[in-house]
Amino acid sequence: MLNDQFPSPDLIGEYRQFGEMGPAYKIVRPVRRVDKDDWVLLIEVLETGEETEYRFSKVKNDPKVH
């Protein structure tokens, strides 16, 4: 049985950006687990205010916004 506890609750509210030059986004909340090692997260793109889903596996590779 999979544990449905999000593994990195400290990421919620954190700001990151898409790659080195992409727009910044805020991590809003986990939405659902998609497999043993990955989750879908709700993020807000700061430039547009758009909320969209984005994979935890991608968030982990995106740089933090300082």
C-alpha atoms as a PDB file:
ATOM      1  CA  MET A   1       0.000   0.000   0.000  1.00  0.00           C
ATOM      2  CA  LEU A   2       1.268   3.477  -0.928  1.00  0.00           C
ATOM      3  CA  ASN A   3       1.682   6.072   1.772  1.00  0.00           C
ATOM      4  CA  ASP A   4      -0.314   9.133   0.666  1.00  0.00           C
ATOM      5  CA  GLN A   5       1.683  11.540   2.816  1.00  0.00           C
ATOM      6  CA  PHE A   6       3.394  14.204   0.667  1.00  0.00           C
ATOM      7  CA  PRO A   7       7.156  13.711   1.241  1.00  0.00           C
ATOM      8  CA  SER A   8       8.212  17.400   1.206  1.00  0.00           C
ATOM      9  CA  PRO A   9       5.637  19.581   3.000  1.00  0.00           C
ATOM     10  CA  ASP A  10       8.349  22.242   3.465  1.00  0.00           C
ATOM     11  CA  LEU A  11       8.044  23.040  -0.274  1.00  0.00           C
ATOM     12  CA  ILE A  12       4.501  24.384   0.126  1.00  0.00           C
ATOM     13  CA  GLY A  13       4.606  28.158  -0.266  1.00  0.00           C
ATOM     14  CA  GLU A  14       8.098  28.079  -1.763  1.00  0.00           C
ATOM     15  CA  TYR A  15       8.943  30.065  -4.911  1.00  0.00           C
ATOM     16  CA  ARG A  16      10.798  28.457  -7.800  1.00  0.00           C
ATOM     17  CA  GLN A  17      11.282  29.168 -11.479  1.00  0.00           C
ATOM     18  CA  PHE A  18      11.006  27.052 -14.602  1.00  0.00           C
ATOM     19  CA  GLY A  19      14.652  26.299 -15.396  1.00  0.00           C
ATOM     20  CA  GLU A  20      17.361  28.948 -15.207  1.00  0.00           C
ATOM     21  CA  MET A  21      15.538  31.640 -17.191  1.00  0.00           C
ATOM     22  CA  GLY A  22      11.836  30.803 -16.909  1.00  0.00           C
ATOM     23  CA  PRO A  23       9.084  32.578 -15.027  1.00  0.00           C
ATOM     24  CA  ALA A  24       8.692  32.177 -11.270  1.00  0.00           C
ATOM     25  CA  TYR A  25       5.964  30.154  -9.635  1.00  0.00           C
ATOM     26  CA  LYS A  26       4.674  29.453  -6.146  1.00  0.00           C
ATOM     27  CA  ILE A  27       3.990  25.918  -4.920  1.00  0.00           C
ATOM     28  CA  VAL A  28       0.413  25.978  -3.605  1.00  0.00           C
ATOM     29  CA  ARG A  29      -0.352  22.396  -2.507  1.00  0.00           C
ATOM     30  CA  PRO A  30      -0.062  18.730  -3.383  1.00  0.00           C
ATOM     31  CA  VAL A  31      -2.987  17.477  -5.486  1.00  0.00           C
ATOM     32  CA  ARG A  32      -2.484  13.727  -5.828  1.00  0.00           C
ATOM     33  CA  ARG A  33       0.120  11.026  -5.875  1.00  0.00           C
ATOM     34  CA  VAL A  34       0.735   9.681  -9.384  1.00  0.00           C
ATOM     35  CA  ASP A  35       3.135   6.846  -8.628  1.00  0.00           C
ATOM     36  CA  LYS A  36       5.474   5.591  -5.934  1.00  0.00           C
ATOM     37  CA  ASP A  37       7.936   8.500  -6.284  1.00  0.00           C
ATOM     38  CA  ASP A  38       5.969  11.368  -7.821  1.00  0.00           C
ATOM     39  CA  TRP A  39       3.114  13.751  -7.108  1.00  0.00           C
ATOM     40  CA  VAL A  40       1.105  16.340  -9.010  1.00  0.00           C
ATOM     41  CA  LEU A  41       1.311  19.761  -7.331  1.00  0.00           C
ATOM     42  CA  LEU A  42      -0.817  22.837  -7.810  1.00  0.00           C
ATOM     43  CA  ILE A  43       1.371  25.846  -8.642  1.00  0.00           C
ATOM     44  CA  GLU A  44       0.651  29.503  -9.348  1.00  0.00           C
ATOM     45  CA  VAL A  45       2.617  31.193 -12.141  1.00  0.00           C
ATOM     46  CA  LEU A  46       3.419  34.646 -10.758  1.00  0.00           C
ATOM     47  CA  GLU A  47       3.483  36.527 -14.086  1.00  0.00           C
ATOM     48  CA  THR A  48      -0.052  35.527 -15.029  1.00  0.00           C
ATOM     49  CA  GLY A  49      -1.708  34.424 -11.793  1.00  0.00           C
ATOM     50  CA  GLU A  50      -2.595  31.169 -13.554  1.00  0.00           C
ATOM     51  CA  GLU A  51      -2.880  28.056 -11.402  1.00  0.00           C
ATOM     52  CA  THR A  52      -1.851  24.811 -13.034  1.00  0.00           C
ATOM     53  CA  GLU A  53      -0.647  21.341 -12.163  1.00  0.00           C
ATOM     54  CA  TYR A  54       3.064  20.493 -12.273  1.00  0.00           C
ATOM     55  CA  ARG A  55       5.004  17.371 -11.362  1.00  0.00           C
ATOM     56  CA  PHE A  56       6.961  17.166  -8.088  1.00  0.00           C
ATOM     57  CA  SER A  57       9.768  15.430 -10.020  1.00  0.00           C
ATOM     58  CA  LYS A  58      10.182  18.602 -12.112  1.00  0.00           C
ATOM     59  CA  VAL A  59       9.871  20.987  -9.143  1.00  0.00           C
ATOM     60  CA  LYS A  60      12.811  19.265  -7.466  1.00  0.00           C
ATOM     61  CA  ASN A  61      15.042  20.230 -10.423  1.00  0.00           C
ATOM     62  CA  ASP A  62      13.863  23.850 -10.727  1.00  0.00           C
ATOM     63  CA  PRO A  63      15.946  26.523  -8.955  1.00  0.00           C
ATOM     64  CA  LYS A  64      14.609  28.430  -5.943  1.00  0.00           C
ATOM     65  CA  VAL A  65      13.760  32.095  -6.436  1.00  0.00           C
ATOM     66  CA  HIS A  66      15.724  34.348  -4.091  1.00  0.00           C
END
